[in-house]
C-alpha cells in the first residue's frame, strides 16, 4: 500500500485541509498535516523499506546485475524513497505545530498569493503561491521561498519593485501588484 504525500498548504480558512507555512527556516504545520507526514514517514521507514528490499532481492536472483533492468529500477526506487525519508525527517524535526505568524506590515511572505508584473508591464503578469514546493498543485503555480523569484519578492510590499537572478545570471525586475494570504 502506497500512501500519497501529505498535503502541505498555507494558512487557510478551510478547516478541512492541513496547512503549513515556511518562514525563516521554520515550517509551520497544523496538527493534521504533521500527523499525515508522520504516518508517511512511518510507512516509508517500515513496510515500504521491506517491500523495496524484497524487490531488490527478487531482482538480484534473476542473475547478472549489470544487465538486470529490474534490479536497477528497484535500486533507483530505493534511492528516491530514502531521499523522501530524509526530507520528511528534516521537515518534521524543524516543524512547529500551530499557526504561523502573519506579516503585520503587509509585506510579501510565504503563504501569500502574489501577483507580479514583469519589468513593470502590467500586461505581462503572473500570479503564484509563495509556498513550500511540497504544496505544488495544479490549481495555482507555486514558487518556493528559496527559489530566485520567491527570495526576490519576499519582504517587498505592493507597488514596490523587486529583483531576482535568472538562470543565465542576468537580473530581472518585477513589480508587486497584489499580495494576499492564501485562502485555499
N, C-alpha and C. Protein backbone atom coordinates (compact mmCIF):
# COMPACT_ATOMS: atom_id res chain seq x y z
N UNK A 1 0.84 -1.18 0.00
CA UNK A 1 0.00 0.00 0.00
C UNK A 1 0.88 1.23 0.00
N UNK A 2 0.70 2.10 -0.99
CA UNK A 2 1.47 3.33 -1.03
C UNK A 2 0.60 4.46 -0.53
N UNK A 3 1.16 5.27 0.32
CA UNK A 3 0.45 6.44 0.79
C UNK A 3 0.85 7.62 -0.06
N UNK A 4 -0.08 8.48 -0.40
CA UNK A 4 0.26 9.69 -1.12
C UNK A 4 0.98 10.64 -0.19
N UNK A 5 1.69 11.58 -0.75
CA UNK A 5 2.36 12.57 0.08
C UNK A 5 1.31 13.40 0.80
N UNK A 6 1.59 13.73 2.03
CA UNK A 6 0.67 14.55 2.80
C UNK A 6 0.62 15.93 2.17
N UNK A 7 -0.55 16.52 2.12
CA UNK A 7 -0.69 17.82 1.52
C UNK A 7 -0.11 18.88 2.44
N UNK A 8 0.75 19.70 1.89
CA UNK A 8 1.28 20.84 2.61
C UNK A 8 0.67 22.06 1.98
N UNK A 9 0.00 22.83 2.76
CA UNK A 9 -0.56 24.03 2.20
C UNK A 9 -0.33 25.19 3.14
N UNK A 10 -0.92 26.29 2.83
CA UNK A 10 -0.65 27.53 3.51
C UNK A 10 -1.89 27.93 4.30
N UNK A 11 -1.74 28.77 5.35
CA UNK A 11 -2.88 29.10 6.19
C UNK A 11 -4.14 29.38 5.38
N UNK A 12 -5.20 28.78 5.80
CA UNK A 12 -6.44 28.81 5.05
C UNK A 12 -7.60 28.88 6.03
N UNK A 13 -8.70 29.42 5.54
CA UNK A 13 -9.90 29.44 6.38
C UNK A 13 -10.66 28.12 6.25
N UNK A 14 -10.23 27.28 5.32
CA UNK A 14 -10.85 25.99 5.09
C UNK A 14 -10.28 24.99 6.09
N UNK A 15 -11.02 24.67 7.12
CA UNK A 15 -10.51 23.84 8.19
C UNK A 15 -10.41 22.36 7.84
N UNK A 16 -10.86 21.97 6.64
CA UNK A 16 -10.78 20.56 6.26
C UNK A 16 -9.39 20.18 5.76
N UNK A 17 -8.56 21.17 5.43
CA UNK A 17 -7.27 20.89 4.82
C UNK A 17 -6.13 21.22 5.77
N UNK A 18 -5.09 20.38 5.80
CA UNK A 18 -3.92 20.66 6.62
C UNK A 18 -3.19 21.87 6.05
N UNK A 19 -2.53 22.61 6.92
CA UNK A 19 -1.84 23.79 6.43
C UNK A 19 -0.42 23.87 6.97
N UNK A 20 0.43 24.50 6.17
CA UNK A 20 1.79 24.80 6.60
C UNK A 20 2.18 26.14 6.04
N UNK A 21 3.20 26.71 6.60
CA UNK A 21 3.79 27.91 6.05
C UNK A 21 5.26 27.87 6.41
N UNK A 22 6.10 28.18 5.46
CA UNK A 22 7.53 28.19 5.69
C UNK A 22 7.99 29.63 5.81
N UNK A 23 8.67 29.96 6.89
CA UNK A 23 9.24 31.29 7.03
C UNK A 23 10.49 31.20 7.86
N UNK A 24 11.55 31.83 7.35
CA UNK A 24 12.82 31.88 8.05
C UNK A 24 13.24 30.50 8.58
N UNK A 25 13.25 29.51 7.71
CA UNK A 25 13.70 28.15 8.01
C UNK A 25 12.84 27.43 9.04
N UNK A 26 11.66 27.92 9.32
CA UNK A 26 10.71 27.24 10.19
C UNK A 26 9.50 26.90 9.35
N UNK A 27 9.06 25.65 9.42
CA UNK A 27 7.85 25.26 8.71
C UNK A 27 6.75 25.08 9.73
N UNK A 28 5.69 25.82 9.54
CA UNK A 28 4.54 25.72 10.44
C UNK A 28 3.59 24.69 9.87
N UNK A 29 3.14 23.78 10.71
CA UNK A 29 2.22 22.72 10.30
C UNK A 29 1.01 22.71 11.22
N UNK A 30 -0.14 22.40 10.64
CA UNK A 30 -1.27 22.12 11.50
C UNK A 30 -1.02 20.75 12.10
N UNK A 31 -1.74 20.42 13.14
CA UNK A 31 -1.58 19.10 13.74
C UNK A 31 -1.92 18.01 12.73
N UNK A 32 -2.94 18.25 11.90
CA UNK A 32 -3.35 17.28 10.89
C UNK A 32 -2.24 17.04 9.88
N UNK A 33 -1.61 18.11 9.39
CA UNK A 33 -0.52 17.97 8.42
C UNK A 33 0.66 17.24 9.05
N UNK A 34 0.99 17.58 10.28
CA UNK A 34 2.09 16.92 10.99
C UNK A 34 1.81 15.42 11.11
N UNK A 35 0.58 15.09 11.51
CA UNK A 35 0.22 13.68 11.67
C UNK A 35 0.31 12.92 10.35
N UNK A 36 -0.15 13.52 9.24
CA UNK A 36 -0.09 12.86 7.94
C UNK A 36 1.35 12.62 7.51
N UNK A 37 2.19 13.61 7.73
CA UNK A 37 3.60 13.45 7.37
C UNK A 37 4.27 12.40 8.23
N UNK A 38 3.90 12.35 9.49
CA UNK A 38 4.46 11.35 10.42
C UNK A 38 4.05 9.94 9.97
N UNK A 39 2.79 9.78 9.55
CA UNK A 39 2.31 8.48 9.06
C UNK A 39 3.07 8.09 7.80
N UNK A 40 3.28 9.04 6.90
CA UNK A 40 4.03 8.75 5.67
C UNK A 40 5.45 8.31 6.02
N UNK A 41 6.09 9.02 6.94
CA UNK A 41 7.46 8.66 7.35
C UNK A 41 7.49 7.26 7.97
N UNK A 42 6.53 6.95 8.82
CA UNK A 42 6.49 5.63 9.45
C UNK A 42 6.30 4.53 8.40
N UNK A 43 5.48 4.79 7.39
CA UNK A 43 5.28 3.82 6.32
C UNK A 43 6.57 3.63 5.53
N UNK A 44 7.22 4.74 5.17
CA UNK A 44 8.43 4.65 4.36
C UNK A 44 9.58 3.98 5.09
N UNK A 45 9.64 4.14 6.40
CA UNK A 45 10.73 3.53 7.16
C UNK A 45 10.39 2.13 7.66
N UNK A 46 9.16 1.70 7.44
CA UNK A 46 8.74 0.37 7.86
C UNK A 46 8.39 -0.50 6.67
N UNK A 47 7.09 -0.65 6.40
CA UNK A 47 6.64 -1.55 5.33
C UNK A 47 7.23 -1.25 3.96
N UNK A 48 7.40 0.02 3.61
CA UNK A 48 7.92 0.36 2.29
C UNK A 48 9.37 -0.10 2.14
N UNK A 49 10.17 0.01 3.21
CA UNK A 49 11.56 -0.48 3.14
C UNK A 49 11.59 -1.99 2.95
N UNK A 50 10.69 -2.68 3.62
CA UNK A 50 10.62 -4.14 3.48
C UNK A 50 10.24 -4.51 2.05
N UNK A 51 9.26 -3.79 1.49
CA UNK A 51 8.81 -4.07 0.12
C UNK A 51 9.94 -3.85 -0.89
N UNK A 52 10.67 -2.75 -0.76
CA UNK A 52 11.73 -2.47 -1.73
C UNK A 52 12.88 -3.45 -1.57
N UNK A 53 13.17 -3.85 -0.33
CA UNK A 53 14.23 -4.85 -0.11
C UNK A 53 13.85 -6.17 -0.78
N UNK A 54 12.57 -6.53 -0.71
CA UNK A 54 12.11 -7.77 -1.36
C UNK A 54 12.22 -7.65 -2.88
N UNK A 55 11.90 -6.48 -3.44
CA UNK A 55 12.02 -6.29 -4.89
C UNK A 55 13.47 -6.41 -5.32
N UNK A 56 14.37 -5.81 -4.55
CA UNK A 56 15.79 -5.87 -4.87
C UNK A 56 16.29 -7.31 -4.79
N UNK A 57 15.90 -8.03 -3.75
CA UNK A 57 16.32 -9.42 -3.58
C UNK A 57 15.81 -10.28 -4.73
N UNK A 58 14.55 -10.09 -5.13
CA UNK A 58 13.97 -10.87 -6.22
C UNK A 58 14.70 -10.57 -7.53
N UNK A 59 15.00 -9.31 -7.76
CA UNK A 59 15.69 -8.92 -8.99
C UNK A 59 17.12 -9.44 -8.99
N UNK A 60 17.76 -9.47 -7.83
CA UNK A 60 19.13 -9.96 -7.71
C UNK A 60 19.20 -11.44 -8.08
N UNK A 61 18.16 -12.20 -7.75
CA UNK A 61 18.13 -13.63 -8.04
C UNK A 61 18.00 -13.92 -9.53
N UNK A 62 17.63 -12.90 -10.31
CA UNK A 62 17.46 -13.11 -11.75
C UNK A 62 18.78 -13.26 -12.48
N UNK A 63 19.88 -12.96 -11.81
CA UNK A 63 21.18 -13.18 -12.46
C UNK A 63 22.02 -11.93 -12.57
N UNK A 64 22.73 -11.83 -13.68
CA UNK A 64 23.72 -10.77 -13.94
C UNK A 64 23.16 -9.39 -13.63
N UNK A 65 23.73 -8.74 -12.64
CA UNK A 65 23.23 -7.43 -12.20
C UNK A 65 23.54 -6.32 -13.18
N UNK A 66 24.58 -6.49 -14.00
CA UNK A 66 24.94 -5.43 -14.95
C UNK A 66 23.86 -5.21 -16.00
N UNK A 67 23.13 -6.24 -16.32
CA UNK A 67 22.11 -6.13 -17.37
C UNK A 67 20.72 -6.44 -16.83
N UNK A 68 20.53 -6.18 -15.57
CA UNK A 68 19.27 -6.51 -14.91
C UNK A 68 18.47 -5.22 -14.69
N UNK A 69 17.56 -4.93 -15.59
CA UNK A 69 16.76 -3.70 -15.51
C UNK A 69 15.91 -3.63 -14.27
N UNK A 70 15.35 -4.76 -13.85
CA UNK A 70 14.51 -4.78 -12.65
C UNK A 70 15.29 -4.42 -11.40
N UNK A 71 16.52 -4.91 -11.34
CA UNK A 71 17.39 -4.62 -10.19
C UNK A 71 17.70 -3.12 -10.15
N UNK A 72 18.09 -2.56 -11.28
CA UNK A 72 18.46 -1.14 -11.33
C UNK A 72 17.25 -0.25 -11.04
N UNK A 73 16.09 -0.64 -11.52
CA UNK A 73 14.87 0.13 -11.26
C UNK A 73 14.53 0.10 -9.77
N UNK A 74 14.67 -1.06 -9.16
CA UNK A 74 14.38 -1.18 -7.73
C UNK A 74 15.37 -0.38 -6.90
N UNK A 75 16.64 -0.39 -7.29
CA UNK A 75 17.64 0.39 -6.57
C UNK A 75 17.37 1.89 -6.71
N UNK A 76 16.93 2.32 -7.89
CA UNK A 76 16.60 3.73 -8.10
C UNK A 76 15.39 4.12 -7.24
N UNK A 77 14.39 3.24 -7.22
CA UNK A 77 13.22 3.48 -6.38
C UNK A 77 13.62 3.58 -4.91
N UNK A 78 14.53 2.73 -4.49
CA UNK A 78 15.01 2.76 -3.11
C UNK A 78 15.70 4.10 -2.81
N UNK A 79 16.49 4.58 -3.75
CA UNK A 79 17.17 5.85 -3.57
C UNK A 79 16.19 7.00 -3.41
N UNK A 80 15.15 7.01 -4.25
CA UNK A 80 14.13 8.06 -4.17
C UNK A 80 13.38 7.98 -2.84
N UNK A 81 13.10 6.77 -2.42
CA UNK A 81 12.38 6.55 -1.16
C UNK A 81 13.22 7.05 0.02
N UNK A 82 14.50 6.75 0.01
CA UNK A 82 15.38 7.18 1.11
C UNK A 82 15.56 8.69 1.11
N UNK A 83 15.55 9.31 -0.06
CA UNK A 83 15.59 10.77 -0.14
C UNK A 83 14.35 11.36 0.52
N UNK A 84 13.20 10.79 0.22
CA UNK A 84 11.95 11.28 0.82
C UNK A 84 11.98 11.08 2.34
N UNK A 85 12.55 9.98 2.82
CA UNK A 85 12.67 9.75 4.26
C UNK A 85 13.51 10.87 4.88
N UNK A 86 14.65 11.21 4.24
CA UNK A 86 15.50 12.28 4.78
C UNK A 86 14.77 13.61 4.77
N UNK A 87 14.03 13.91 3.69
CA UNK A 87 13.28 15.16 3.61
C UNK A 87 12.23 15.24 4.72
N UNK A 88 11.47 14.17 4.89
CA UNK A 88 10.43 14.16 5.92
C UNK A 88 11.02 14.27 7.31
N UNK A 89 12.12 13.55 7.55
CA UNK A 89 12.76 13.60 8.86
C UNK A 89 13.19 15.02 9.19
N UNK A 90 13.84 15.67 8.24
CA UNK A 90 14.29 17.05 8.46
C UNK A 90 13.10 17.99 8.65
N UNK A 91 12.08 17.83 7.82
CA UNK A 91 10.91 18.69 7.92
C UNK A 91 10.24 18.55 9.28
N UNK A 92 10.02 17.32 9.72
CA UNK A 92 9.33 17.09 10.99
C UNK A 92 10.18 17.52 12.19
N UNK A 93 11.50 17.36 12.08
CA UNK A 93 12.37 17.79 13.19
C UNK A 93 12.36 19.30 13.36
N UNK A 94 12.20 20.04 12.26
CA UNK A 94 12.26 21.50 12.31
C UNK A 94 10.90 22.17 12.28
N UNK A 95 9.84 21.39 12.24
CA UNK A 95 8.49 21.96 12.13
C UNK A 95 7.97 22.43 13.48
N UNK A 96 7.12 23.43 13.40
CA UNK A 96 6.39 23.88 14.58
C UNK A 96 4.91 23.67 14.28
N UNK A 97 4.21 23.12 15.25
CA UNK A 97 2.79 22.87 15.08
C UNK A 97 2.03 24.06 15.63
N UNK A 98 1.10 24.58 14.84
CA UNK A 98 0.31 25.75 15.25
C UNK A 98 0.09 26.63 14.05
N UNK A 99 -0.23 27.90 14.29
CA UNK A 99 -0.45 28.84 13.21
C UNK A 99 0.74 29.75 13.07
N UNK A 100 1.16 29.97 11.82
CA UNK A 100 2.31 30.83 11.55
C UNK A 100 1.94 32.28 11.79
N UNK A 101 2.90 33.07 12.24
CA UNK A 101 2.62 34.49 12.40
C UNK A 101 2.37 35.14 11.05
N UNK A 102 1.46 36.10 11.00
CA UNK A 102 1.10 36.79 9.77
C UNK A 102 1.94 38.07 9.68
N UNK A 103 2.35 38.41 8.47
CA UNK A 103 3.12 39.63 8.25
C UNK A 103 2.27 40.84 8.61
N UNK A 104 2.67 41.57 9.63
CA UNK A 104 1.88 42.71 10.11
C UNK A 104 2.01 43.93 9.21
N UNK A 105 3.11 44.03 8.46
CA UNK A 105 3.33 45.22 7.64
C UNK A 105 2.87 45.08 6.21
N UNK A 106 2.22 43.96 5.86
CA UNK A 106 1.69 43.77 4.52
C UNK A 106 2.74 43.35 3.50
N UNK A 107 3.91 43.00 3.95
CA UNK A 107 4.97 42.59 3.04
C UNK A 107 4.72 41.19 2.53
N UNK A 108 5.24 40.88 1.35
CA UNK A 108 5.13 39.55 0.77
C UNK A 108 5.85 38.57 1.69
N UNK A 109 5.17 37.47 2.00
CA UNK A 109 5.72 36.44 2.88
C UNK A 109 5.23 35.09 2.40
N UNK A 110 5.89 34.02 2.81
CA UNK A 110 5.40 32.69 2.45
C UNK A 110 3.94 32.53 2.90
N UNK A 111 3.16 31.87 2.08
CA UNK A 111 1.76 31.66 2.38
C UNK A 111 0.86 32.68 1.72
N UNK A 112 1.44 33.49 0.83
CA UNK A 112 0.65 34.51 0.16
C UNK A 112 0.55 34.20 -1.33
N UNK A 113 -0.57 34.64 -1.91
CA UNK A 113 -0.74 34.60 -3.36
C UNK A 113 -0.26 35.96 -3.86
N UNK A 114 0.71 35.93 -4.75
CA UNK A 114 1.37 37.15 -5.20
C UNK A 114 1.14 37.33 -6.70
N UNK A 115 0.79 38.54 -7.09
CA UNK A 115 0.67 38.88 -8.50
C UNK A 115 1.76 39.89 -8.80
N UNK A 116 2.54 39.59 -9.84
CA UNK A 116 3.65 40.46 -10.22
C UNK A 116 3.51 40.86 -11.68
N UNK A 117 4.14 41.98 -12.02
CA UNK A 117 4.26 42.41 -13.41
C UNK A 117 5.73 42.38 -13.77
N UNK A 118 6.06 41.75 -14.88
CA UNK A 118 7.45 41.67 -15.32
C UNK A 118 7.89 43.00 -15.91
N UNK A 119 9.01 43.51 -15.48
CA UNK A 119 9.58 44.78 -15.95
C UNK A 119 8.56 45.91 -15.91
N UNK A 120 7.66 45.88 -14.92
CA UNK A 120 6.67 46.95 -14.76
C UNK A 120 5.56 46.94 -15.79
N UNK A 121 5.51 45.96 -16.67
CA UNK A 121 4.49 45.88 -17.73
C UNK A 121 3.26 45.17 -17.19
N UNK A 122 2.20 45.92 -16.90
CA UNK A 122 1.00 45.34 -16.29
C UNK A 122 0.23 44.42 -17.25
N UNK A 123 0.65 44.33 -18.50
CA UNK A 123 0.05 43.38 -19.43
C UNK A 123 0.77 42.04 -19.38
N UNK A 124 1.93 42.00 -18.76
CA UNK A 124 2.74 40.79 -18.64
C UNK A 124 2.82 40.43 -17.15
N UNK A 125 1.77 39.76 -16.66
CA UNK A 125 1.68 39.47 -15.23
C UNK A 125 1.67 37.97 -14.96
N UNK A 126 1.90 37.64 -13.71
CA UNK A 126 1.83 36.25 -13.27
C UNK A 126 1.37 36.25 -11.82
N UNK A 127 0.51 35.29 -11.48
CA UNK A 127 0.06 35.11 -10.11
C UNK A 127 0.52 33.74 -9.65
N UNK A 128 1.06 33.68 -8.45
CA UNK A 128 1.58 32.42 -7.93
C UNK A 128 1.45 32.38 -6.41
N UNK A 129 1.53 31.18 -5.88
CA UNK A 129 1.52 30.95 -4.45
C UNK A 129 2.97 30.84 -4.00
N UNK A 130 3.34 31.63 -3.02
CA UNK A 130 4.68 31.57 -2.46
C UNK A 130 4.62 30.59 -1.29
N UNK A 131 5.10 29.37 -1.53
CA UNK A 131 4.93 28.31 -0.53
C UNK A 131 5.96 27.22 -0.73
N UNK A 132 5.99 26.32 0.21
CA UNK A 132 6.85 25.15 0.14
C UNK A 132 6.58 24.40 -1.14
N UNK A 133 7.62 23.89 -1.77
CA UNK A 133 7.44 23.17 -3.03
C UNK A 133 6.58 21.93 -2.85
N UNK A 134 6.45 21.46 -1.64
CA UNK A 134 5.65 20.28 -1.39
C UNK A 134 4.16 20.55 -1.57
N UNK A 135 3.78 21.81 -1.61
CA UNK A 135 2.38 22.14 -1.79
C UNK A 135 2.00 22.28 -3.26
N UNK A 136 2.94 22.26 -4.15
CA UNK A 136 2.66 22.47 -5.57
C UNK A 136 1.42 21.70 -6.00
N UNK A 137 0.52 22.38 -6.69
CA UNK A 137 -0.71 21.75 -7.16
C UNK A 137 -1.06 22.30 -8.53
N UNK A 138 -2.04 21.69 -9.13
CA UNK A 138 -2.49 22.13 -10.45
C UNK A 138 -3.35 23.39 -10.36
N UNK A 139 -3.84 23.72 -9.17
CA UNK A 139 -4.74 24.86 -9.01
C UNK A 139 -4.04 26.19 -9.21
N UNK A 140 -2.81 26.32 -8.71
CA UNK A 140 -2.09 27.58 -8.81
C UNK A 140 -0.60 27.27 -8.87
N UNK A 141 0.11 28.00 -9.70
CA UNK A 141 1.55 27.80 -9.80
C UNK A 141 2.17 28.14 -8.44
N UNK A 142 3.14 27.37 -8.03
CA UNK A 142 3.75 27.54 -6.72
C UNK A 142 5.25 27.78 -6.87
N UNK A 143 5.74 28.79 -6.19
CA UNK A 143 7.17 29.07 -6.14
C UNK A 143 7.63 28.96 -4.71
N UNK A 144 8.74 28.32 -4.51
CA UNK A 144 9.33 28.16 -3.19
C UNK A 144 9.92 29.49 -2.72
N UNK A 145 9.86 29.76 -1.42
CA UNK A 145 10.51 30.96 -0.91
C UNK A 145 12.03 30.94 -1.15
N UNK A 146 12.59 29.76 -1.38
CA UNK A 146 14.02 29.66 -1.63
C UNK A 146 14.37 29.80 -3.13
N UNK A 147 13.37 29.80 -4.00
CA UNK A 147 13.62 29.96 -5.43
C UNK A 147 14.10 31.39 -5.68
N UNK A 148 14.77 31.64 -6.81
CA UNK A 148 15.22 33.02 -7.09
C UNK A 148 14.08 34.03 -7.08
N UNK A 149 12.95 33.70 -7.72
CA UNK A 149 11.82 34.62 -7.73
C UNK A 149 11.23 34.78 -6.33
N UNK A 150 11.03 33.67 -5.64
CA UNK A 150 10.48 33.72 -4.29
C UNK A 150 11.33 34.56 -3.35
N UNK A 151 12.63 34.29 -3.36
CA UNK A 151 13.54 35.05 -2.49
C UNK A 151 13.56 36.53 -2.87
N UNK A 152 13.40 36.80 -4.16
CA UNK A 152 13.43 38.19 -4.63
C UNK A 152 12.23 39.01 -4.19
N UNK A 153 11.06 38.39 -4.07
CA UNK A 153 9.86 39.17 -3.73
C UNK A 153 9.57 39.22 -2.23
N UNK A 154 10.13 38.29 -1.45
CA UNK A 154 9.87 38.28 -0.01
C UNK A 154 10.30 39.60 0.61
N UNK A 155 9.40 40.13 1.44
CA UNK A 155 9.70 41.37 2.15
C UNK A 155 9.27 42.63 1.43
N UNK A 156 8.95 42.52 0.14
CA UNK A 156 8.52 43.69 -0.62
C UNK A 156 7.01 43.88 -0.47
N UNK A 157 6.56 45.13 -0.60
CA UNK A 157 5.14 45.45 -0.46
C UNK A 157 4.55 45.76 -1.82
N UNK A 158 3.21 45.77 -1.89
CA UNK A 158 2.51 46.09 -3.12
C UNK A 158 2.99 47.45 -3.63
N UNK A 159 3.28 47.50 -4.92
CA UNK A 159 3.77 48.72 -5.55
C UNK A 159 5.28 48.80 -5.63
N UNK A 160 5.97 47.99 -4.86
CA UNK A 160 7.43 48.02 -4.87
C UNK A 160 7.97 47.14 -5.99
N UNK A 161 9.19 47.48 -6.43
CA UNK A 161 9.89 46.67 -7.41
C UNK A 161 10.81 45.71 -6.68
N UNK A 162 10.97 44.53 -7.25
CA UNK A 162 11.87 43.53 -6.70
C UNK A 162 12.73 43.00 -7.83
N UNK A 163 13.89 42.50 -7.49
CA UNK A 163 14.80 41.98 -8.49
C UNK A 163 15.21 40.57 -8.11
N UNK A 164 15.39 39.72 -9.13
CA UNK A 164 15.86 38.37 -8.88
C UNK A 164 16.76 37.94 -10.02
N UNK A 165 17.54 36.90 -9.78
CA UNK A 165 18.51 36.44 -10.77
C UNK A 165 17.94 35.32 -11.62
N UNK A 166 18.08 35.45 -12.93
CA UNK A 166 17.65 34.43 -13.87
C UNK A 166 18.69 33.32 -13.96
N UNK A 167 18.33 32.15 -14.49
CA UNK A 167 19.30 31.06 -14.60
C UNK A 167 20.55 31.42 -15.39
N UNK A 168 20.44 32.36 -16.33
CA UNK A 168 21.59 32.75 -17.14
C UNK A 168 22.48 33.78 -16.44
N UNK A 169 22.12 34.15 -15.20
CA UNK A 169 22.92 35.09 -14.43
C UNK A 169 22.47 36.54 -14.54
N UNK A 170 21.58 36.83 -15.48
CA UNK A 170 21.08 38.21 -15.63
C UNK A 170 20.04 38.49 -14.56
N UNK A 171 19.78 39.74 -14.32
CA UNK A 171 18.78 40.16 -13.33
C UNK A 171 17.47 40.47 -14.04
N UNK A 172 16.36 40.18 -13.36
CA UNK A 172 15.03 40.51 -13.88
C UNK A 172 14.32 41.34 -12.82
N UNK A 173 13.49 42.25 -13.28
CA UNK A 173 12.77 43.13 -12.38
C UNK A 173 11.27 42.85 -12.45
N UNK A 174 10.63 42.83 -11.30
CA UNK A 174 9.18 42.65 -11.23
C UNK A 174 8.60 43.69 -10.29
N UNK A 175 7.34 44.02 -10.52
CA UNK A 175 6.63 44.93 -9.63
C UNK A 175 5.55 44.13 -8.92
N UNK A 176 5.45 44.27 -7.61
CA UNK A 176 4.43 43.57 -6.84
C UNK A 176 3.11 44.30 -7.05
N UNK A 177 2.13 43.63 -7.66
CA UNK A 177 0.82 44.24 -7.91
C UNK A 177 -0.18 43.89 -6.81
N UNK A 178 -0.05 42.69 -6.26
CA UNK A 178 -1.01 42.23 -5.28
C UNK A 178 -0.36 41.15 -4.42
N UNK A 179 -0.67 41.14 -3.14
CA UNK A 179 -0.18 40.10 -2.24
C UNK A 179 -1.23 39.91 -1.16
N UNK A 180 -1.78 38.70 -1.11
CA UNK A 180 -2.82 38.44 -0.12
C UNK A 180 -2.65 37.02 0.42
N UNK A 181 -3.06 36.80 1.65
CA UNK A 181 -2.94 35.45 2.23
C UNK A 181 -3.72 34.43 1.39
N UNK A 182 -3.14 33.27 1.25
CA UNK A 182 -3.77 32.18 0.51
C UNK A 182 -4.98 31.68 1.29
N UNK A 183 -6.09 31.49 0.58
CA UNK A 183 -7.30 31.07 1.29
C UNK A 183 -7.78 29.70 0.84
N UNK A 184 -6.92 28.94 0.23
CA UNK A 184 -7.26 27.57 -0.16
C UNK A 184 -8.10 27.53 -1.35
